């Protein structure tokens, strides 16, 4: 099979995944002549058009949308906040970042469980030393114990 056929097949496969059978060549922006002008030609046109009732309706202030109240934080009967696993993982990671020599990147926190949720730390290769990783992992159970008093995992 020639390289041109392989390339054509690859392009067809990518275009069918991304945009159906539409080709980028067939989509063209409309010509500039078809777009109506938003600016009046002169000030006389603007003054004469402002006398019409339709123009007055356009200049009236737009209806304001009602302000939505801030989302209330879901809590349990015990007063604990209900948070998704990602939010709890961010809390754990934020607390761990306060420790000395904690890596800036290459750390993943996984929150699992339900009623008695837990957290697990994983480190990317070369993100920290073995001794530091062990020290950080030993800090996680105490941190989770403290956070469980205030946060419940939302399912």
Protein backbone atom coordinates (compact mmCIF):
# COMPACT_ATOMS: atom_id res chain seq x y z
CA UNK A 1 0.00 0.00 0.00
CA UNK A 2 1.39 3.39 -0.91
CA UNK A 3 2.01 6.17 1.57
CA UNK A 4 -0.61 8.37 -0.08
CA UNK A 5 -3.31 5.75 0.45
CA UNK A 6 -2.26 5.30 4.08
CA UNK A 7 -2.39 9.06 4.62
CA UNK A 8 -5.80 9.34 2.97
CA UNK A 9 -7.14 6.51 5.11
CA UNK A 10 -5.74 8.08 8.26
CA UNK A 11 -7.23 11.47 7.39
CA UNK A 12 -10.60 9.87 6.70
CA UNK A 13 -10.53 8.02 10.00
CA UNK A 14 -9.60 11.15 11.98
CA UNK A 15 -12.20 13.29 10.24
CA UNK A 16 -14.92 10.70 10.85
CA UNK A 17 -14.04 10.61 14.55
CA UNK A 18 -13.81 14.35 15.03
CA UNK A 19 -16.42 15.75 12.75
CA UNK A 20 -18.35 13.07 10.98
CA UNK A 21 -17.87 13.18 7.23
CA UNK A 22 -17.48 16.96 7.17
CA UNK A 23 -14.35 18.21 5.54
CA UNK A 24 -12.60 21.36 6.66
CA UNK A 25 -12.31 22.48 3.04
CA UNK A 26 -16.08 22.72 2.53
CA UNK A 27 -16.61 25.02 5.53
CA UNK A 28 -15.85 28.60 4.60
CA UNK A 29 -16.68 31.79 6.45
CA UNK A 30 -19.42 33.92 4.89
CA UNK A 31 -18.22 36.73 2.64
CA UNK A 32 -17.93 40.12 4.30
CA UNK A 33 -20.49 41.69 1.95
CA UNK A 34 -23.26 39.45 3.38
CA UNK A 35 -22.76 40.67 6.95
CA UNK A 36 -24.97 43.68 7.76
CA UNK A 37 -23.25 46.76 9.09
CA UNK A 38 -23.78 47.40 12.79
CA UNK A 39 -22.67 51.05 12.63
CA UNK A 40 -24.97 53.65 11.05
CA UNK A 41 -23.55 55.42 8.01
CA UNK A 42 -23.86 58.86 9.58
CA UNK A 43 -25.27 60.62 12.63
CA UNK A 44 -28.42 61.72 10.75
CA UNK A 45 -29.48 58.10 10.26
CA UNK A 46 -28.85 57.44 13.94
CA UNK A 47 -31.01 60.41 15.04
CA UNK A 48 -33.90 59.55 12.71
CA UNK A 49 -33.88 55.92 13.71
CA UNK A 50 -33.90 56.78 17.44
CA UNK A 51 -37.31 58.45 17.04
CA UNK A 52 -39.01 55.17 16.13
CA UNK A 53 -40.73 53.08 18.84
CA UNK A 54 -38.64 50.03 17.94
CA UNK A 55 -35.45 51.98 18.63
CA UNK A 56 -36.78 53.07 22.01
CA UNK A 57 -37.48 49.46 22.91
CA UNK A 58 -33.92 48.57 21.97
CA UNK A 59 -32.47 51.32 24.16
CA UNK A 60 -34.52 50.26 27.20
CA UNK A 61 -32.43 48.48 29.80
CA UNK A 62 -32.38 44.76 29.37
CA UNK A 63 -34.33 42.71 31.84
CA UNK A 64 -32.02 41.74 34.63
CA UNK A 65 -31.71 38.11 35.52
CA UNK A 66 -32.60 37.21 39.09
CA UNK A 67 -29.54 36.73 41.22
CA UNK A 68 -29.15 33.11 42.18
CA UNK A 69 -28.38 32.50 45.83
CA UNK A 70 -25.01 30.88 46.47
CA UNK A 71 -25.11 27.12 46.50
CA UNK A 72 -25.57 25.82 50.00
CA UNK A 73 -23.02 23.37 51.27
CA UNK A 74 -24.61 19.99 51.81
CA UNK A 75 -24.21 18.70 55.34
CA UNK A 76 -25.08 15.53 57.23
CA UNK A 77 -27.18 15.34 60.39
CA UNK A 78 -23.94 15.42 62.36
CA UNK A 79 -22.96 18.74 60.75
CA UNK A 80 -20.25 17.26 58.55
CA UNK A 81 -19.84 18.68 55.06
CA UNK A 82 -20.66 16.34 52.18
CA UNK A 83 -17.92 16.58 49.55
CA UNK A 84 -17.08 14.54 46.44
CA UNK A 85 -13.92 12.43 46.41
CA UNK A 86 -12.04 14.96 44.26
CA UNK A 87 -12.67 17.76 46.76
CA UNK A 88 -11.53 15.62 49.68
CA UNK A 89 -8.42 14.62 47.72
CA UNK A 90 -7.67 18.32 47.19
CA UNK A 91 -8.04 18.93 50.93
CA UNK A 92 -5.66 16.08 51.77
CA UNK A 93 -3.16 17.25 49.16
CA UNK A 94 -3.38 20.82 50.42
CA UNK A 95 -2.58 19.71 53.95
CA UNK A 96 0.29 17.51 52.78
CA UNK A 97 1.81 20.38 50.80
CA UNK A 98 2.39 22.14 54.12
CA UNK A 99 4.93 19.45 55.06
CA UNK A 100 8.62 20.09 54.50
CA UNK A 101 10.12 18.69 51.25
CA UNK A 102 6.71 17.71 49.82
CA UNK A 103 7.01 17.52 46.01
CA UNK A 104 5.27 20.13 43.86
CA UNK A 105 4.23 17.58 41.26
CA UNK A 106 4.11 13.84 40.76
CA UNK A 107 1.77 13.09 43.67
CA UNK A 108 -1.68 11.59 43.35
CA UNK A 109 -4.24 11.30 46.15
CA UNK A 110 -7.00 8.72 45.78
CA UNK A 111 -10.00 8.86 48.13
CA UNK A 112 -11.94 5.62 48.44
CA UNK A 113 -14.53 3.98 50.67
CA UNK A 114 -17.88 5.25 51.82
CA UNK A 115 -18.77 5.75 55.45
CA UNK A 116 -15.22 5.45 56.69
CA UNK A 117 -13.43 6.84 53.66
CA UNK A 118 -9.68 6.67 53.36
CA UNK A 119 -6.96 8.22 51.23
CA UNK A 120 -4.01 6.70 49.39
CA UNK A 121 -0.89 8.46 48.14
CA UNK A 122 0.99 7.46 45.02
CA UNK A 123 4.18 9.06 43.80
CA UNK A 124 5.53 9.31 40.28
CA UNK A 125 9.03 7.95 39.77
CA UNK A 126 11.74 10.38 40.87
CA UNK A 127 9.24 12.83 42.39
CA UNK A 128 10.60 12.25 45.89
CA UNK A 129 12.94 9.98 47.81
CA UNK A 130 11.85 6.70 49.37
CA UNK A 131 12.37 8.07 52.89
CA UNK A 132 10.27 11.16 52.21
CA UNK A 133 7.52 9.11 50.54
CA UNK A 134 7.40 6.86 53.59
CA UNK A 135 7.20 9.89 55.89
CA UNK A 136 4.35 11.41 53.84
CA UNK A 137 2.44 8.12 53.77
CA UNK A 138 2.75 7.84 57.54
CA UNK A 139 1.22 11.29 57.93
CA UNK A 140 -1.87 10.40 55.87
CA UNK A 141 -3.76 8.25 58.48
CA UNK A 142 -3.59 11.03 61.09
CA UNK A 143 -4.69 13.60 58.55
CA UNK A 144 -7.58 11.43 57.35
CA UNK A 145 -8.67 10.80 60.95
CA UNK A 146 -8.85 14.56 61.58
CA UNK A 147 -10.65 15.29 58.30
CA UNK A 148 -13.26 12.55 58.89
CA UNK A 149 -14.55 14.57 61.85
CA UNK A 150 -15.50 17.43 59.52
CA UNK A 151 -16.01 15.89 56.06
CA UNK A 152 -18.12 13.01 54.78
CA UNK A 153 -17.72 11.43 51.35
CA UNK A 154 -20.56 12.24 48.97
CA UNK A 155 -21.69 9.36 46.79
